[in-house]
Amino acid sequence: MNLSTLLGVLAGFVMLSWAVLSQTGLYKVFINPPGLAIVLGGVICSVLVAYPVQEVLRVFRVLFVLLRKKDPDFSGMVQLVARFSGLARKEGLLALERELPGIEDKFLVDGLQMVIAGYSEEEIREIMRSRIENCRIRELAEAHIFHTMARFAPAFGMVGTLVGLIGMLVNMGKGNLADMGQNMAVALVTTFYGLISANLVFRPIAVQIERRMEESVRLMTMIMEGVLMIHGQWHPYKVEDYLNSFLPPGRRQVAVRRYQEQVKGE
């Protein structure tokens, strides 16, 4: 599970709750179901108007994936591709076919299958680039839905404020101070709901989807380059050194040095 997402949201609500209690000493004032219904209901309805229902339903799947998805293992992928490169040089490309069932990354499986099937280097590069771009577009569309929800939420918070103010003005003529206070609470708390949901939930989720999209594109690009090097029969140490350029300097393992030490030892 991705704990940073869950902990971030929970910590935000805990700190806000502490601030509210320390400043006002009241919490029931900030629990307002009508105001929450105005914000969430308005956001959901607006998103349904703006996007196809299939894309909106995919939002719930994205939330589930964000909580479970692990960070890409770049170092492990470098070692895996380098091992496949050595296997292809030693036993031939058809030897890779035995390894396919044990590979979890479907993008790597597709690339190796194209190598085994005899696709040219240009064909493999074009097909894999197209899949990378389509993946980027698809995930950006999911992030855009959350950005849209973040824009709508404060607007519907203002709608709730207007509803509360109208009710307050109506009750002002009747001289009912109790109803005036309740309507004013709806007015202010609804704005609070809109701002909190936009800046603590919707927009951070959109940013995380974009960040994960960048990481996924970088990993897929690395896999594509590795598959092309397997196709070109590169030495596994050269493959590892080339793919290490996708890793931060502190996580790189200089394979060529190990190769030189091995040659000297022989």
C-alpha atoms as a PDB file:
ATOM      1  CA  MET A   1       0.000   0.000   0.000  1.00  0.00           C
ATOM      2  CA  ASN A   2       1.164   3.551  -0.749  1.00  0.00           C
ATOM      3  CA  LEU A   3       1.156   4.930   2.791  1.00  0.00           C
ATOM      4  CA  SER A   4       2.221   8.454   1.830  1.00  0.00           C
ATOM      5  CA  THR A   5      -1.147   9.185   0.212  1.00  0.00           C
ATOM      6  CA  LEU A   6      -3.182   7.846   3.109  1.00  0.00           C
ATOM      7  CA  LEU A   7      -0.983   9.401   5.790  1.00  0.00           C
ATOM      8  CA  GLY A   8      -0.936  12.755   4.022  1.00  0.00           C
ATOM      9  CA  VAL A   9      -4.713  13.034   3.878  1.00  0.00           C
ATOM     10  CA  LEU A  10      -5.181  11.773   7.446  1.00  0.00           C
ATOM     11  CA  ALA A  11      -2.497  14.077   8.824  1.00  0.00           C
ATOM     12  CA  GLY A  12      -4.092  17.026   7.052  1.00  0.00           C
ATOM     13  CA  PHE A  13      -7.501  16.350   8.559  1.00  0.00           C
ATOM     14  CA  VAL A  14      -6.003  15.745  12.017  1.00  0.00           C
ATOM     15  CA  MET A  15      -4.144  19.062  11.980  1.00  0.00           C
ATOM     16  CA  LEU A  16      -7.190  20.923  10.701  1.00  0.00           C
ATOM     17  CA  SER A  17      -9.350  19.345  13.399  1.00  0.00           C
ATOM     18  CA  TRP A  18      -6.833  20.339  16.057  1.00  0.00           C
ATOM     19  CA  ALA A  19      -6.732  23.906  14.726  1.00  0.00           C
ATOM     20  CA  VAL A  20     -10.526  24.126  14.711  1.00  0.00           C
ATOM     21  CA  LEU A  21     -10.868  22.828  18.258  1.00  0.00           C
ATOM     22  CA  SER A  22      -8.054  24.998  19.599  1.00  0.00           C
ATOM     23  CA  GLN A  23      -9.505  28.158  18.067  1.00  0.00           C
ATOM     24  CA  THR A  24     -13.229  27.651  18.572  1.00  0.00           C
ATOM     25  CA  GLY A  25     -13.619  24.837  21.077  1.00  0.00           C
ATOM     26  CA  LEU A  26     -16.500  23.580  18.918  1.00  0.00           C
ATOM     27  CA  TYR A  27     -16.636  20.840  16.347  1.00  0.00           C
ATOM     28  CA  LYS A  28     -20.358  20.404  15.745  1.00  0.00           C
ATOM     29  CA  VAL A  29     -20.453  23.734  13.948  1.00  0.00           C
ATOM     30  CA  PHE A  30     -18.166  22.310  11.256  1.00  0.00           C
ATOM     31  CA  ILE A  31     -20.294  19.203  10.708  1.00  0.00           C
ATOM     32  CA  ASN A  32     -22.906  20.338   8.247  1.00  0.00           C
ATOM     33  CA  PRO A  33     -24.423  17.625   6.004  1.00  0.00           C
ATOM     34  CA  PRO A  34     -26.363  20.092   3.785  1.00  0.00           C
ATOM     35  CA  GLY A  35     -23.201  22.049   3.070  1.00  0.00           C
ATOM     36  CA  LEU A  36     -21.263  18.873   2.322  1.00  0.00           C
ATOM     37  CA  ALA A  37     -24.054  17.715   0.012  1.00  0.00           C
ATOM     38  CA  ILE A  38     -23.909  21.003  -1.902  1.00  0.00           C
ATOM     39  CA  VAL A  39     -20.145  20.715  -2.471  1.00  0.00           C
ATOM     40  CA  LEU A  40     -19.811  16.994  -3.211  1.00  0.00           C
ATOM     41  CA  GLY A  41     -23.110  16.732  -5.052  1.00  0.00           C
ATOM     42  CA  GLY A  42     -22.313  19.747  -7.177  1.00  0.00           C
ATOM     43  CA  VAL A  43     -18.824  18.486  -7.999  1.00  0.00           C
ATOM     44  CA  ILE A  44     -20.067  15.016  -8.972  1.00  0.00           C
ATOM     45  CA  CYS A  45     -22.872  16.369 -11.137  1.00  0.00           C
ATOM     46  CA  SER A  46     -20.572  18.836 -12.888  1.00  0.00           C
ATOM     47  CA  VAL A  47     -17.997  16.148 -13.615  1.00  0.00           C
ATOM     48  CA  LEU A  48     -20.724  13.903 -15.031  1.00  0.00           C
ATOM     49  CA  VAL A  49     -21.760  16.733 -17.338  1.00  0.00           C
ATOM     50  CA  ALA A  50     -18.166  17.444 -18.400  1.00  0.00           C
ATOM     51  CA  TYR A  51     -16.920  13.855 -18.901  1.00  0.00           C
ATOM     52  CA  PRO A  52     -18.322  10.532 -20.127  1.00  0.00           C
ATOM     53  CA  VAL A  53     -19.614   8.338 -17.326  1.00  0.00           C
ATOM     54  CA  GLN A  54     -16.975   5.663 -18.107  1.00  0.00           C
ATOM     55  CA  GLU A  55     -14.171   8.122 -17.364  1.00  0.00           C
ATOM     56  CA  VAL A  56     -15.840   9.292 -14.155  1.00  0.00           C
ATOM     57  CA  LEU A  57     -16.253   5.714 -12.916  1.00  0.00           C
ATOM     58  CA  ARG A  58     -12.564   5.133 -13.652  1.00  0.00           C
ATOM     59  CA  VAL A  59     -11.794   7.774 -11.020  1.00  0.00           C
ATOM     60  CA  PHE A  60     -12.685   5.302  -8.268  1.00  0.00           C
ATOM     61  CA  ARG A  61     -10.351   2.710  -9.791  1.00  0.00           C
ATOM     62  CA  VAL A  62      -7.569   5.305  -9.870  1.00  0.00           C
ATOM     63  CA  LEU A  63      -8.046   6.031  -6.166  1.00  0.00           C
ATOM     64  CA  PHE A  64      -7.794   2.329  -5.377  1.00  0.00           C
ATOM     65  CA  VAL A  65      -4.643   1.990  -7.514  1.00  0.00           C
ATOM     66  CA  LEU A  66      -2.985   4.985  -5.862  1.00  0.00           C
ATOM     67  CA  LEU A  67      -3.347   3.391  -2.442  1.00  0.00           C
ATOM     68  CA  ARG A  68      -1.927   0.049  -3.572  1.00  0.00           C
ATOM     69  CA  LYS A  69       0.567   0.902  -6.279  1.00  0.00           C
ATOM     70  CA  LYS A  70       4.246   0.673  -5.381  1.00  0.00           C
ATOM     71  CA  ASP A  71       7.000   2.866  -6.728  1.00  0.00           C
ATOM     72  CA  PRO A  72       8.652   1.523  -9.923  1.00  0.00           C
ATOM     73  CA  ASP A  73      11.684  -0.670  -9.291  1.00  0.00           C
ATOM     74  CA  PHE A  74      14.192   0.857 -11.712  1.00  0.00           C
ATOM     75  CA  SER A  75      17.203  -0.962 -10.243  1.00  0.00           C
ATOM     76  CA  GLY A  76      15.485  -4.332 -10.442  1.00  0.00           C
ATOM     77  CA  MET A  77      14.431  -3.681 -14.039  1.00  0.00           C
ATOM     78  CA  VAL A  78      18.013  -2.799 -15.028  1.00  0.00           C
ATOM     79  CA  GLN A  79      19.262  -6.098 -13.628  1.00  0.00           C
ATOM     80  CA  LEU A  80      16.442  -8.039 -15.279  1.00  0.00           C
ATOM     81  CA  VAL A  81      16.997  -6.547 -18.729  1.00  0.00           C
ATOM     82  CA  ALA A  82      20.759  -7.043 -18.444  1.00  0.00           C
ATOM     83  CA  ARG A  83      20.183 -10.703 -17.559  1.00  0.00           C
ATOM     84  CA  PHE A  84      17.926 -11.172 -20.577  1.00  0.00           C
ATOM     85  CA  SER A  85      20.570  -9.555 -22.769  1.00  0.00           C
ATOM     86  CA  GLY A  86      23.171 -12.052 -21.581  1.00  0.00           C
ATOM     87  CA  LEU A  87      20.729 -14.918 -22.106  1.00  0.00           C
ATOM     88  CA  ALA A  88      19.965 -13.790 -25.652  1.00  0.00           C
ATOM     89  CA  ARG A  89      23.675 -13.523 -26.536  1.00  0.00           C
ATOM     90  CA  LYS A  90      24.501 -16.886 -25.022  1.00  0.00           C
ATOM     91  CA  GLU A  91      21.544 -19.046 -26.067  1.00  0.00           C
ATOM     92  CA  GLY A  92      19.812 -17.014 -28.774  1.00  0.00           C
ATOM     93  CA  LEU A  93      16.641 -14.934 -28.875  1.00  0.00           C
ATOM     94  CA  LEU A  94      14.362 -17.966 -28.674  1.00  0.00           C
ATOM     95  CA  ALA A  95      15.727 -18.681 -25.188  1.00  0.00           C
ATOM     96  CA  LEU A  96      13.855 -15.583 -24.002  1.00  0.00           C
ATOM     97  CA  GLU A  97      10.551 -17.305 -24.683  1.00  0.00           C
ATOM     98  CA  ARG A  98      11.037 -19.550 -21.651  1.00  0.00           C
ATOM     99  CA  GLU A  99      11.332 -16.460 -19.424  1.00  0.00           C
ATOM    100  CA  LEU A 100       8.127 -14.747 -20.539  1.00  0.00           C
ATOM    101  CA  PRO A 101       5.684 -16.469 -18.111  1.00  0.00           C
ATOM    102  CA  GLY A 102       7.657 -15.279 -15.093  1.00  0.00           C
ATOM    103  CA  ILE A 103       7.784 -11.586 -16.092  1.00  0.00           C
ATOM    104  CA  GLU A 104       5.282  -9.342 -14.293  1.00  0.00           C
ATOM    105  CA  ASP A 105       5.732  -6.232 -16.454  1.00  0.00           C
ATOM    106  CA  LYS A 106       3.450  -6.668 -19.491  1.00  0.00           C
ATOM    107  CA  PHE A 107       5.189  -3.896 -21.411  1.00  0.00           C
ATOM    108  CA  LEU A 108       8.484  -5.787 -21.189  1.00  0.00           C
ATOM    109  CA  VAL A 109       6.734  -8.998 -22.198  1.00  0.00           C
ATOM    110  CA  ASP A 110       5.298  -7.326 -25.302  1.00  0.00           C
ATOM    111  CA  GLY A 111       8.709  -5.936 -26.246  1.00  0.00           C
ATOM    112  CA  LEU A 112      10.446  -9.294 -25.860  1.00  0.00           C
ATOM    113  CA  GLN A 113       7.729 -11.018 -27.867  1.00  0.00           C
ATOM    114  CA  MET A 114       8.360  -8.601 -30.728  1.00  0.00           C
ATOM    115  CA  VAL A 115      12.083  -9.369 -30.539  1.00  0.00           C
ATOM    116  CA  ILE A 116      11.414 -13.107 -30.605  1.00  0.00           C
ATOM    117  CA  ALA A 117       8.970 -12.696 -33.501  1.00  0.00           C
ATOM    118  CA  GLY A 118      11.658 -11.019 -35.612  1.00  0.00           C
ATOM    119  CA  TYR A 119      10.394  -7.433 -35.723  1.00  0.00           C
ATOM    120  CA  SER A 120      12.903  -4.893 -36.983  1.00  0.00           C
ATOM    121  CA  GLU A 121      14.438  -2.321 -34.649  1.00  0.00           C
ATOM    122  CA  GLU A 122      12.423   0.498 -36.249  1.00  0.00           C
ATOM    123  CA  GLU A 123       9.163  -1.431 -35.898  1.00  0.00           C
ATOM    124  CA  ILE A 124       9.805  -2.219 -32.230  1.00  0.00           C
ATOM    125  CA  ARG A 125      10.716   1.385 -31.451  1.00  0.00           C
ATOM    126  CA  GLU A 126       7.651   2.774 -33.240  1.00  0.00           C
ATOM    127  CA  ILE A 127       5.198   0.374 -31.584  1.00  0.00           C
ATOM    128  CA  MET A 128       6.602   0.819 -28.087  1.00  0.00           C
ATOM    129  CA  ARG A 129       6.771   4.605 -28.434  1.00  0.00           C
ATOM    130  CA  SER A 130       3.126   4.624 -29.486  1.00  0.00           C
ATOM    131  CA  ARG A 131       2.137   2.614 -26.398  1.00  0.00           C
ATOM    132  CA  ILE A 132       4.129   4.921 -24.128  1.00  0.00           C
ATOM    133  CA  GLU A 133       2.417   7.987 -25.576  1.00  0.00           C
ATOM    134  CA  ASN A 134      -1.030   6.422 -25.274  1.00  0.00           C
ATOM    135  CA  CYS A 135      -0.319   5.524 -21.635  1.00  0.00           C
ATOM    136  CA  ARG A 136       0.756   9.114 -20.957  1.00  0.00           C
ATOM    137  CA  ILE A 137      -2.385  10.542 -22.557  1.00  0.00           C
ATOM    138  CA  ARG A 138      -4.638   8.146 -20.647  1.00  0.00           C
ATOM    139  CA  GLU A 139      -3.131   8.939 -17.250  1.00  0.00           C
ATOM    140  CA  LEU A 140      -3.113  12.691 -17.946  1.00  0.00           C
ATOM    141  CA  ALA A 141      -6.837  12.451 -18.678  1.00  0.00           C
ATOM    142  CA  GLU A 142      -7.380  10.847 -15.269  1.00  0.00           C
ATOM    143  CA  ALA A 143      -5.360  13.602 -13.569  1.00  0.00           C
ATOM    144  CA  HIS A 144      -7.346  16.221 -15.468  1.00  0.00           C
ATOM    145  CA  ILE A 145     -10.593  14.936 -13.935  1.00  0.00           C
ATOM    146  CA  PHE A 146      -9.228  15.581 -10.450  1.00  0.00           C
ATOM    147  CA  HIS A 147      -7.951  19.020 -11.486  1.00  0.00           C
ATOM    148  CA  THR A 148     -11.459  19.770 -12.735  1.00  0.00           C
ATOM    149  CA  MET A 149     -12.972  18.610  -9.444  1.00  0.00           C
ATOM    150  CA  ALA A 150     -10.514  20.867  -7.595  1.00  0.00           C
ATOM    151  CA  ARG A 151     -11.707  23.838  -9.663  1.00  0.00           C
ATOM    152  CA  PHE A 152     -15.397  23.051  -9.154  1.00  0.00           C
ATOM    153  CA  ALA A 153     -15.272  22.449  -5.387  1.00  0.00           C
ATOM    154  CA  PRO A 154     -14.594  26.087  -4.271  1.00  0.00           C
ATOM    155  CA  ALA A 155     -17.224  27.319  -6.731  1.00  0.00           C
ATOM    156  CA  PHE A 156     -19.882  25.102  -5.177  1.00  0.00           C
ATOM    157  CA  GLY A 157     -18.645  26.190  -1.778  1.00  0.00           C
ATOM    158  CA  MET A 158     -19.570  29.721  -2.826  1.00  0.00           C
ATOM    159  CA  VAL A 159     -22.946  28.438  -4.036  1.00  0.00           C
ATOM    160  CA  GLY A 160     -23.555  27.044  -0.553  1.00  0.00           C
ATOM    161  CA  THR A 161     -22.515  30.403   0.890  1.00  0.00           C
ATOM    162  CA  LEU A 162     -25.094  32.180  -1.247  1.00  0.00           C
ATOM    163  CA  VAL A 163     -27.784  29.672  -0.248  1.00  0.00           C
ATOM    164  CA  GLY A 164     -27.001  30.249   3.413  1.00  0.00           C
ATOM    165  CA  LEU A 165     -26.971  34.028   3.028  1.00  0.00           C
ATOM    166  CA  ILE A 166     -30.302  33.995   1.211  1.00  0.00           C
ATOM    167  CA  GLY A 167     -31.838  31.895   3.989  1.00  0.00           C
ATOM    168  CA  MET A 168     -30.353  34.241   6.576  1.00  0.00           C
ATOM    169  CA  LEU A 169     -31.848  37.312   4.882  1.00  0.00           C
ATOM    170  CA  VAL A 170     -35.251  35.632   4.661  1.00  0.00           C
ATOM    171  CA  ASN A 171     -35.210  34.764   8.361  1.00  0.00           C
ATOM    172  CA  MET A 172     -33.961  38.231   9.222  1.00  0.00           C
ATOM    173  CA  GLY A 173     -37.314  39.652   8.195  1.00  0.00           C
ATOM    174  CA  LYS A 174     -39.069  37.126  10.429  1.00  0.00           C
ATOM    175  CA  GLY A 175     -36.868  37.966  13.383  1.00  0.00           C
ATOM    176  CA  ASN A 176     -35.911  34.314  13.952  1.00  0.00           C
ATOM    177  CA  LEU A 177     -32.375  34.596  15.249  1.00  0.00           C
ATOM    178  CA  ALA A 178     -31.894  30.824  15.670  1.00  0.00           C
ATOM    179  CA  ASP A 179     -32.572  30.145  11.991  1.00  0.00           C
ATOM    180  CA  MET A 180     -30.377  33.086  11.014  1.00  0.00           C
ATOM    181  CA  GLY A 181     -27.434  31.571  12.873  1.00  0.00           C
ATOM    182  CA  GLN A 182     -27.978  28.159  11.290  1.00  0.00           C
ATOM    183  CA  ASN A 183     -28.135  29.618   7.794  1.00  0.00           C
ATOM    184  CA  MET A 184     -24.993  31.642   8.406  1.00  0.00           C
ATOM    185  CA  ALA A 185     -23.202  28.490   9.560  1.00  0.00           C
ATOM    186  CA  VAL A 186     -24.191  26.740   6.320  1.00  0.00           C
ATOM    187  CA  ALA A 187     -22.909  29.733   4.376  1.00  0.00           C
ATOM    188  CA  LEU A 188     -19.451  29.741   5.940  1.00  0.00           C
ATOM    189  CA  VAL A 189     -18.913  26.017   6.461  1.00  0.00           C
ATOM    190  CA  THR A 190     -19.792  25.215   2.848  1.00  0.00           C
ATOM    191  CA  THR A 191     -17.017  27.506   1.652  1.00  0.00           C
ATOM    192  CA  PHE A 192     -14.727  25.748   4.106  1.00  0.00           C
ATOM    193  CA  TYR A 193     -15.701  22.357   2.657  1.00  0.00           C
ATOM    194  CA  GLY A 194     -15.053  23.536  -0.889  1.00  0.00           C
ATOM    195  CA  LEU A 195     -11.572  24.838  -0.133  1.00  0.00           C
ATOM    196  CA  ILE A 196     -10.540  21.829   1.952  1.00  0.00           C
ATOM    197  CA  SER A 197     -11.739  19.242  -0.560  1.00  0.00           C
ATOM    198  CA  ALA A 198     -10.048  21.066  -3.426  1.00  0.00           C
ATOM    199  CA  ASN A 199      -6.666  21.626  -1.781  1.00  0.00           C
ATOM    200  CA  LEU A 200      -6.372  18.600   0.499  1.00  0.00           C
ATOM    201  CA  VAL A 201      -8.003  15.887  -1.618  1.00  0.00           C
ATOM    202  CA  PHE A 202      -8.635  16.572  -5.305  1.00  0.00           C
ATOM    203  CA  ARG A 203      -5.598  18.637  -6.314  1.00  0.00           C
ATOM    204  CA  PRO A 204      -3.018  16.531  -4.398  1.00  0.00           C
ATOM    205  CA  ILE A 205      -4.420  13.369  -5.988  1.00  0.00           C
ATOM    206  CA  ALA A 206      -4.116  14.972  -9.431  1.00  0.00           C
ATOM    207  CA  VAL A 207      -0.502  15.928  -8.740  1.00  0.00           C
ATOM    208  CA  GLN A 208       0.291  12.401  -7.562  1.00  0.00           C
ATOM    209  CA  ILE A 209      -1.241  10.889 -10.699  1.00  0.00           C
ATOM    210  CA  GLU A 210       0.917  13.201 -12.820  1.00  0.00           C
ATOM    211  CA  ARG A 211       4.031  12.292 -10.836  1.00  0.00           C
ATOM    212  CA  ARG A 212       3.319   8.576 -11.187  1.00  0.00           C
ATOM    213  CA  MET A 213       2.678   9.097 -14.883  1.00  0.00           C
ATOM    214  CA  GLU A 214       6.137  10.634 -15.257  1.00  0.00           C
ATOM    215  CA  GLU A 215       7.697   7.712 -13.386  1.00  0.00           C
ATOM    216  CA  SER A 216       5.783   5.183 -15.508  1.00  0.00           C
ATOM    217  CA  VAL A 217       6.830   6.885 -18.742  1.00  0.00           C
ATOM    218  CA  ARG A 218      10.457   6.924 -17.596  1.00  0.00           C
ATOM    219  CA  LEU A 219      10.325   3.228 -16.715  1.00  0.00           C
ATOM    220  CA  MET A 220       8.656   2.321 -20.007  1.00  0.00           C
ATOM    221  CA  THR A 221      11.233   4.350 -21.924  1.00  0.00           C
ATOM    222  CA  MET A 222      13.993   2.484 -20.112  1.00  0.00           C
ATOM    223  CA  ILE A 223      12.348  -0.846 -20.959  1.00  0.00           C
ATOM    224  CA  MET A 224      12.046   0.164 -24.613  1.00  0.00           C
ATOM    225  CA  GLU A 225      15.750   1.021 -24.795  1.00  0.00           C
ATOM    226  CA  GLY A 226      16.603  -2.260 -23.071  1.00  0.00           C
ATOM    227  CA  VAL A 227      14.506  -4.289 -25.506  1.00  0.00           C
ATOM    228  CA  LEU A 228      16.183  -2.573 -28.447  1.00  0.00           C
ATOM    229  CA  MET A 229      19.606  -3.380 -27.000  1.00  0.00           C
ATOM    230  CA  ILE A 230      18.582  -7.016 -26.545  1.00  0.00           C
ATOM    231  CA  HIS A 231      17.510  -6.959 -30.192  1.00  0.00           C
ATOM    232  CA  GLY A 232      20.916  -5.536 -31.114  1.00  0.00           C
ATOM    233  CA  GLN A 233      22.772  -8.237 -29.142  1.00  0.00           C
ATOM    234  CA  TRP A 234      24.463  -5.784 -26.782  1.00  0.00           C
ATOM    235  CA  HIS A 235      26.771  -7.115 -24.100  1.00  0.00           C
ATOM    236  CA  PRO A 236      24.874  -7.275 -20.751  1.00  0.00           C
ATOM    237  CA  TYR A 237      27.402  -5.036 -19.008  1.00  0.00           C
ATOM    238  CA  LYS A 238      26.955  -2.383 -21.670  1.00  0.00           C
ATOM    239  CA  VAL A 239      23.184  -2.729 -21.328  1.00  0.00           C
ATOM    240  CA  GLU A 240      23.407  -2.260 -17.573  1.00  0.00           C
ATOM    241  CA  ASP A 241      25.686   0.769 -17.864  1.00  0.00           C
ATOM    242  CA  TYR A 242      23.417   2.401 -20.443  1.00  0.00           C
ATOM    243  CA  LEU A 243      20.224   1.809 -18.461  1.00  0.00           C
ATOM    244  CA  ASN A 244      21.856   3.113 -15.280  1.00  0.00           C
ATOM    245  CA  SER A 245      21.503   6.585 -16.791  1.00  0.00           C
ATOM    246  CA  PHE A 246      17.788   6.362 -15.866  1.00  0.00           C
ATOM    247  CA  LEU A 247      18.683   5.954 -12.179  1.00  0.00           C
ATOM    248  CA  PRO A 248      19.783   8.601  -9.671  1.00  0.00           C
ATOM    249  CA  PRO A 249      23.604   8.668  -9.266  1.00  0.00           C
ATOM    250  CA  GLY A 250      23.475   7.195  -5.773  1.00  0.00           C
ATOM    251  CA  ARG A 251      21.648   4.072  -6.959  1.00  0.00           C
ATOM    252  CA  ARG A 252      23.786   3.265  -9.987  1.00  0.00           C
ATOM    253  CA  GLN A 253      26.040   0.222 -10.139  1.00  0.00           C
ATOM    254  CA  VAL A 254      28.933   0.672 -12.558  1.00  0.00           C
ATOM    255  CA  ALA A 255      28.775  -2.619 -14.405  1.00  0.00           C
ATOM    256  CA  VAL A 256      31.670  -1.886 -16.767  1.00  0.00           C
ATOM    257  CA  ARG A 257      34.052  -1.703 -13.811  1.00  0.00           C
ATOM    258  CA  ARG A 258      32.978  -5.147 -12.684  1.00  0.00           C
ATOM    259  CA  TYR A 259      33.488  -6.382 -16.239  1.00  0.00           C
ATOM    260  CA  GLN A 260      37.010  -4.897 -16.419  1.00  0.00           C
ATOM    261  CA  GLU A 261      37.905  -6.424 -13.061  1.00  0.00           C
ATOM    262  CA  GLN A 262      36.616  -9.765 -14.256  1.00  0.00           C
ATOM    263  CA  VAL A 263      38.700  -9.579 -17.446  1.00  0.00           C
ATOM    264  CA  LYS A 264      41.826  -8.686 -15.465  1.00  0.00           C
ATOM    265  CA  GLY A 265      41.184 -11.602 -13.127  1.00  0.00           C
ATOM    266  CA  GLU A 266      41.005 -13.964 -16.059  1.00  0.00           C
END
